[in-house]
Amino acid sequence: MEYSAPTFLLLLFFIIPLFINLLKHNDSTKKSKKPRLPPGPKPWPIVGNIPEMLANKPTFRWIQNIMNDLETEIACIRLGNIHVILVTSPSIAREFFMKQDAIFASRPLNWSSKYVSSGYLTTTITPFGEQWKKMKRVMVEELISPKRHQWLHDKRVEEADNLVRHVYNQTKPRMVVA
């Protein structure tokens, strides 16, 4: 079966736009599935907002100015390729920490974190999982509970007295023997 040149060109002009339209449709469906991030300043291509953050000291004021300019209680800045979500509203922060803690508790897994935490045995950089849940329970129930705070009250008072005595002894004039 042979096609003449006009027939081939006609097919080509109909198939190429159809193919491009299908590609655009696939791209738009992928974009719609991705959750939208909160508003924030436009980041640089590779380094994100790091140059702006370093240029505007102190950083917390720069962040607060961004939040005020955007008139929002939640914003997103990019540090390198990491998105950082900033929250100033207590109700949104409560949502992050109380209701959605399993989603936001995870940390990136990497060699240095594993090495520093002795195989993820600490509380600060342990990724979310069974070990994290155990460490959180120990911290909340054993280390930072009101009962433990009261139990250590006498030791804190004794250490405060020792510190005051040490500072007092450092300020007393010393006798120089010649």
C-alpha atoms as a PDB file:
ATOM      1  CA  MET A   1       0.000   0.000   0.000  1.00  0.00           C
ATOM      2  CA  GLU A   2       1.600   3.222  -1.154  1.00  0.00           C
ATOM      3  CA  TYR A   3       0.775   6.675   0.104  1.00  0.00           C
ATOM      4  CA  SER A   4       1.182   9.744  -2.000  1.00  0.00           C
ATOM      5  CA  ALA A   5       3.066  12.748  -0.604  1.00  0.00           C
ATOM      6  CA  PRO A   6      -0.052  14.912  -0.025  1.00  0.00           C
ATOM      7  CA  THR A   7      -1.775  12.082   1.861  1.00  0.00           C
ATOM      8  CA  PHE A   8       1.310  11.516   3.995  1.00  0.00           C
ATOM      9  CA  LEU A   9       1.593  15.234   4.795  1.00  0.00           C
ATOM     10  CA  LEU A  10      -2.097  15.417   5.612  1.00  0.00           C
ATOM     11  CA  LEU A  11      -1.773  12.488   8.031  1.00  0.00           C
ATOM     12  CA  LEU A  12       1.348  14.070   9.515  1.00  0.00           C
ATOM     13  CA  PHE A  13      -0.420  17.383  10.148  1.00  0.00           C
ATOM     14  CA  PHE A  14      -3.252  15.605  11.940  1.00  0.00           C
ATOM     15  CA  ILE A  15      -1.198  13.084  13.932  1.00  0.00           C
ATOM     16  CA  ILE A  16       1.508  15.450  15.262  1.00  0.00           C
ATOM     17  CA  PRO A  17      -0.947  17.945  16.873  1.00  0.00           C
ATOM     18  CA  LEU A  18      -2.925  15.014  18.293  1.00  0.00           C
ATOM     19  CA  PHE A  19       0.265  13.527  19.747  1.00  0.00           C
ATOM     20  CA  ILE A  20       1.334  16.891  21.247  1.00  0.00           C
ATOM     21  CA  ASN A  21      -2.129  17.354  22.738  1.00  0.00           C
ATOM     22  CA  LEU A  22      -1.908  13.920  24.392  1.00  0.00           C
ATOM     23  CA  LEU A  23       1.512  14.758  25.866  1.00  0.00           C
ATOM     24  CA  LYS A  24       0.219  18.040  27.285  1.00  0.00           C
ATOM     25  CA  HIS A  25      -2.795  16.245  28.752  1.00  0.00           C
ATOM     26  CA  ASN A  26      -0.526  13.678  30.460  1.00  0.00           C
ATOM     27  CA  ASP A  27       1.673  16.456  31.898  1.00  0.00           C
ATOM     28  CA  SER A  28      -1.320  18.340  33.255  1.00  0.00           C
ATOM     29  CA  THR A  29      -2.717  15.236  34.967  1.00  0.00           C
ATOM     30  CA  LYS A  30       0.645  14.612  36.637  1.00  0.00           C
ATOM     31  CA  LYS A  31       0.777  18.210  37.875  1.00  0.00           C
ATOM     32  CA  SER A  32      -2.728  18.069  39.291  1.00  0.00           C
ATOM     33  CA  LYS A  33      -1.919  14.966  41.375  1.00  0.00           C
ATOM     34  CA  LYS A  34       1.038  16.673  43.040  1.00  0.00           C
ATOM     35  CA  PRO A  35      -0.025  18.606  46.160  1.00  0.00           C
ATOM     36  CA  ARG A  36       0.384  22.355  45.962  1.00  0.00           C
ATOM     37  CA  LEU A  37       2.858  24.007  48.308  1.00  0.00           C
ATOM     38  CA  PRO A  38       2.022  27.130  50.329  1.00  0.00           C
ATOM     39  CA  PRO A  39       3.013  30.509  48.849  1.00  0.00           C
ATOM     40  CA  GLY A  40       6.545  31.799  49.248  1.00  0.00           C
ATOM     41  CA  PRO A  41       9.306  33.826  47.624  1.00  0.00           C
ATOM     42  CA  LYS A  42      10.499  32.760  44.184  1.00  0.00           C
ATOM     43  CA  PRO A  43      13.546  30.494  44.672  1.00  0.00           C
ATOM     44  CA  TRP A  44      16.775  30.507  42.661  1.00  0.00           C
ATOM     45  CA  PRO A  45      17.289  27.471  40.375  1.00  0.00           C
ATOM     46  CA  ILE A  46      19.721  25.357  42.435  1.00  0.00           C
ATOM     47  CA  VAL A  47      20.280  27.062  45.781  1.00  0.00           C
ATOM     48  CA  GLY A  48      16.675  28.069  46.435  1.00  0.00           C
ATOM     49  CA  ASN A  49      16.239  30.980  48.856  1.00  0.00           C
ATOM     50  CA  ILE A  50      19.602  30.554  50.611  1.00  0.00           C
ATOM     51  CA  PRO A  51      21.200  33.706  49.084  1.00  0.00           C
ATOM     52  CA  GLU A  52      18.238  35.862  50.161  1.00  0.00           C
ATOM     53  CA  MET A  53      18.293  34.332  53.619  1.00  0.00           C
ATOM     54  CA  LEU A  54      22.022  35.033  54.037  1.00  0.00           C
ATOM     55  CA  ALA A  55      21.688  38.582  52.698  1.00  0.00           C
ATOM     56  CA  ASN A  56      18.849  39.508  55.051  1.00  0.00           C
ATOM     57  CA  LYS A  57      20.049  39.145  58.622  1.00  0.00           C
ATOM     58  CA  PRO A  58      18.619  38.292  61.094  1.00  0.00           C
ATOM     59  CA  THR A  59      16.903  35.434  59.312  1.00  0.00           C
ATOM     60  CA  PHE A  60      13.859  35.285  61.565  1.00  0.00           C
ATOM     61  CA  ARG A  61      12.980  38.899  60.666  1.00  0.00           C
ATOM     62  CA  TRP A  62      13.370  38.115  56.956  1.00  0.00           C
ATOM     63  CA  ILE A  63      10.981  35.180  57.391  1.00  0.00           C
ATOM     64  CA  GLN A  64       8.507  37.319  59.332  1.00  0.00           C
ATOM     65  CA  ASN A  65       8.634  40.011  56.619  1.00  0.00           C
ATOM     66  CA  ILE A  66       7.881  37.354  53.981  1.00  0.00           C
ATOM     67  CA  MET A  67       4.899  36.143  55.993  1.00  0.00           C
ATOM     68  CA  ASN A  68       3.646  39.726  56.430  1.00  0.00           C
ATOM     69  CA  ASP A  69       4.130  40.579  52.729  1.00  0.00           C
ATOM     70  CA  LEU A  70       2.242  37.460  51.638  1.00  0.00           C
ATOM     71  CA  GLU A  71      -0.425  38.073  54.298  1.00  0.00           C
ATOM     72  CA  THR A  72      -0.426  34.399  55.250  1.00  0.00           C
ATOM     73  CA  GLU A  73       0.127  32.238  58.304  1.00  0.00           C
ATOM     74  CA  ILE A  74       1.792  29.429  56.323  1.00  0.00           C
ATOM     75  CA  ALA A  75       4.510  29.821  53.701  1.00  0.00           C
ATOM     76  CA  CYS A  76       7.150  27.772  51.920  1.00  0.00           C
ATOM     77  CA  ILE A  77      10.794  28.635  51.277  1.00  0.00           C
ATOM     78  CA  ARG A  78      13.288  26.433  49.492  1.00  0.00           C
ATOM     79  CA  LEU A  79      16.727  25.756  50.947  1.00  0.00           C
ATOM     80  CA  GLY A  80      18.642  23.966  48.211  1.00  0.00           C
ATOM     81  CA  ASN A  81      16.247  21.265  47.057  1.00  0.00           C
ATOM     82  CA  ILE A  82      14.450  21.020  50.428  1.00  0.00           C
ATOM     83  CA  HIS A  83      11.101  22.740  50.902  1.00  0.00           C
ATOM     84  CA  VAL A  84      10.696  24.284  54.364  1.00  0.00           C
ATOM     85  CA  ILE A  85       7.165  25.024  55.542  1.00  0.00           C
ATOM     86  CA  LEU A  86       6.900  28.073  57.837  1.00  0.00           C
ATOM     87  CA  VAL A  87       3.938  28.380  60.210  1.00  0.00           C
ATOM     88  CA  THR A  88       2.974  31.294  62.468  1.00  0.00           C
ATOM     89  CA  SER A  89      -0.552  30.220  63.387  1.00  0.00           C
ATOM     90  CA  PRO A  90      -0.953  28.189  66.603  1.00  0.00           C
ATOM     91  CA  SER A  91      -3.882  26.262  65.142  1.00  0.00           C
ATOM     92  CA  ILE A  92      -1.916  25.248  62.042  1.00  0.00           C
ATOM     93  CA  ALA A  93       1.097  24.340  64.193  1.00  0.00           C
ATOM     94  CA  ARG A  94      -1.172  22.196  66.385  1.00  0.00           C
ATOM     95  CA  GLU A  95      -2.367  20.439  63.240  1.00  0.00           C
ATOM     96  CA  PHE A  96       1.263  19.738  62.259  1.00  0.00           C
ATOM     97  CA  PHE A  97       2.363  18.488  65.672  1.00  0.00           C
ATOM     98  CA  MET A  98      -0.713  16.717  66.988  1.00  0.00           C
ATOM     99  CA  LYS A  99      -2.802  15.410  64.126  1.00  0.00           C
ATOM    100  CA  GLN A 100      -0.311  15.020  61.264  1.00  0.00           C
ATOM    101  CA  ASP A 101       2.798  14.145  63.296  1.00  0.00           C
ATOM    102  CA  ALA A 102       3.373  10.837  61.529  1.00  0.00           C
ATOM    103  CA  ILE A 103       3.689  12.601  58.166  1.00  0.00           C
ATOM    104  CA  PHE A 104       5.983  15.407  59.349  1.00  0.00           C
ATOM    105  CA  ALA A 105       8.057  13.417  61.867  1.00  0.00           C
ATOM    106  CA  SER A 106      10.165  11.628  59.291  1.00  0.00           C
ATOM    107  CA  ARG A 107      13.691  12.775  58.560  1.00  0.00           C
ATOM    108  CA  PRO A 108      15.756  11.998  55.484  1.00  0.00           C
ATOM    109  CA  LEU A 109      17.842   8.855  55.748  1.00  0.00           C
ATOM    110  CA  ASN A 110      21.532   9.354  55.070  1.00  0.00           C
ATOM    111  CA  TRP A 111      24.873   7.980  56.143  1.00  0.00           C
ATOM    112  CA  SER A 112      25.880  10.895  58.375  1.00  0.00           C
ATOM    113  CA  SER A 113      22.617  10.856  60.342  1.00  0.00           C
ATOM    114  CA  LYS A 114      22.946   7.134  60.938  1.00  0.00           C
ATOM    115  CA  TYR A 115      26.570   7.515  62.048  1.00  0.00           C
ATOM    116  CA  VAL A 116      25.967  10.474  64.371  1.00  0.00           C
ATOM    117  CA  SER A 117      22.960   8.842  66.035  1.00  0.00           C
ATOM    118  CA  SER A 118      24.713   5.456  66.495  1.00  0.00           C
ATOM    119  CA  GLY A 119      22.296   3.676  64.192  1.00  0.00           C
ATOM    120  CA  TYR A 120      19.302   5.965  64.803  1.00  0.00           C
ATOM    121  CA  LEU A 121      19.229   5.361  68.562  1.00  0.00           C
ATOM    122  CA  THR A 122      18.703   9.026  69.496  1.00  0.00           C
ATOM    123  CA  THR A 123      15.525  11.075  69.539  1.00  0.00           C
ATOM    124  CA  THR A 124      16.484  14.032  67.393  1.00  0.00           C
ATOM    125  CA  ILE A 125      17.268  12.507  63.993  1.00  0.00           C
ATOM    126  CA  THR A 126      15.525   9.148  64.156  1.00  0.00           C
ATOM    127  CA  PRO A 127      13.224   8.586  61.164  1.00  0.00           C
ATOM    128  CA  PHE A 128       9.564   7.903  61.904  1.00  0.00           C
ATOM    129  CA  GLY A 129       8.907   4.280  62.822  1.00  0.00           C
ATOM    130  CA  GLU A 130       8.877   1.952  65.821  1.00  0.00           C
ATOM    131  CA  GLN A 131      12.171   3.290  67.252  1.00  0.00           C
ATOM    132  CA  TRP A 132      10.887   6.866  66.981  1.00  0.00           C
ATOM    133  CA  LYS A 133       7.665   5.925  68.782  1.00  0.00           C
ATOM    134  CA  LYS A 134       9.605   4.226  71.600  1.00  0.00           C
ATOM    135  CA  MET A 135      11.952   7.180  72.001  1.00  0.00           C
ATOM    136  CA  LYS A 136       9.050   9.661  72.014  1.00  0.00           C
ATOM    137  CA  ARG A 137       7.265   7.638  74.703  1.00  0.00           C
ATOM    138  CA  VAL A 138      10.413   7.485  76.872  1.00  0.00           C
ATOM    139  CA  MET A 139      11.032  11.226  76.466  1.00  0.00           C
ATOM    140  CA  VAL A 140       7.455  12.232  77.292  1.00  0.00           C
ATOM    141  CA  GLU A 141       6.810   9.782  80.130  1.00  0.00           C
ATOM    142  CA  GLU A 142      10.235   9.578  81.768  1.00  0.00           C
ATOM    143  CA  LEU A 143      12.446  12.584  81.009  1.00  0.00           C
ATOM    144  CA  ILE A 144      10.294  15.677  80.560  1.00  0.00           C
ATOM    145  CA  SER A 145       7.313  14.798  82.748  1.00  0.00           C
ATOM    146  CA  PRO A 146       6.135  17.043  85.629  1.00  0.00           C
ATOM    147  CA  LYS A 147       6.833  14.189  88.041  1.00  0.00           C
ATOM    148  CA  ARG A 148      10.514  14.057  86.970  1.00  0.00           C
ATOM    149  CA  HIS A 149      10.717  17.864  87.175  1.00  0.00           C
ATOM    150  CA  GLN A 150       9.550  17.831  90.809  1.00  0.00           C
ATOM    151  CA  TRP A 151      11.815  14.889  91.655  1.00  0.00           C
ATOM    152  CA  LEU A 152      14.906  16.800  90.466  1.00  0.00           C
ATOM    153  CA  HIS A 153      13.982  20.131  92.122  1.00  0.00           C
ATOM    154  CA  ASP A 154      16.368  19.704  95.093  1.00  0.00           C
ATOM    155  CA  LYS A 155      19.272  18.811  92.763  1.00  0.00           C
ATOM    156  CA  ARG A 156      18.638  21.919  90.636  1.00  0.00           C
ATOM    157  CA  VAL A 157      18.587  24.128  93.750  1.00  0.00           C
ATOM    158  CA  GLU A 158      21.835  22.555  94.979  1.00  0.00           C
ATOM    159  CA  GLU A 159      23.521  23.133  91.594  1.00  0.00           C
ATOM    160  CA  ALA A 160      22.301  26.737  91.498  1.00  0.00           C
ATOM    161  CA  ASP A 161      23.825  27.302  94.963  1.00  0.00           C
ATOM    162  CA  ASN A 162      27.109  25.778  93.788  1.00  0.00           C
ATOM    163  CA  LEU A 163      27.152  28.069  90.743  1.00  0.00           C
ATOM    164  CA  VAL A 164      26.495  31.189  92.842  1.00  0.00           C
ATOM    165  CA  ARG A 165      29.239  30.144  95.310  1.00  0.00           C
ATOM    166  CA  HIS A 166      31.689  29.569  92.436  1.00  0.00           C
ATOM    167  CA  VAL A 167      30.948  32.988  90.879  1.00  0.00           C
ATOM    168  CA  TYR A 168      31.282  34.653  94.298  1.00  0.00           C
ATOM    169  CA  ASN A 169      34.665  32.981  94.902  1.00  0.00           C
ATOM    170  CA  GLN A 170      35.886  34.100  91.470  1.00  0.00           C
ATOM    171  CA  THR A 171      35.099  37.746  92.239  1.00  0.00           C
ATOM    172  CA  LYS A 172      36.756  37.917  95.688  1.00  0.00           C
ATOM    173  CA  PRO A 173      40.033  39.850  95.670  1.00  0.00           C
ATOM    174  CA  ARG A 174      43.008  37.519  96.016  1.00  0.00           C
ATOM    175  CA  MET A 175      46.047  38.100  98.179  1.00  0.00           C
ATOM    176  CA  VAL A 176      49.278  38.211  96.247  1.00  0.00           C
ATOM    177  CA  VAL A 177      52.249  36.836  98.223  1.00  0.00           C
ATOM    178  CA  ALA A 178      55.536  38.363  97.162  1.00  0.00           C
END
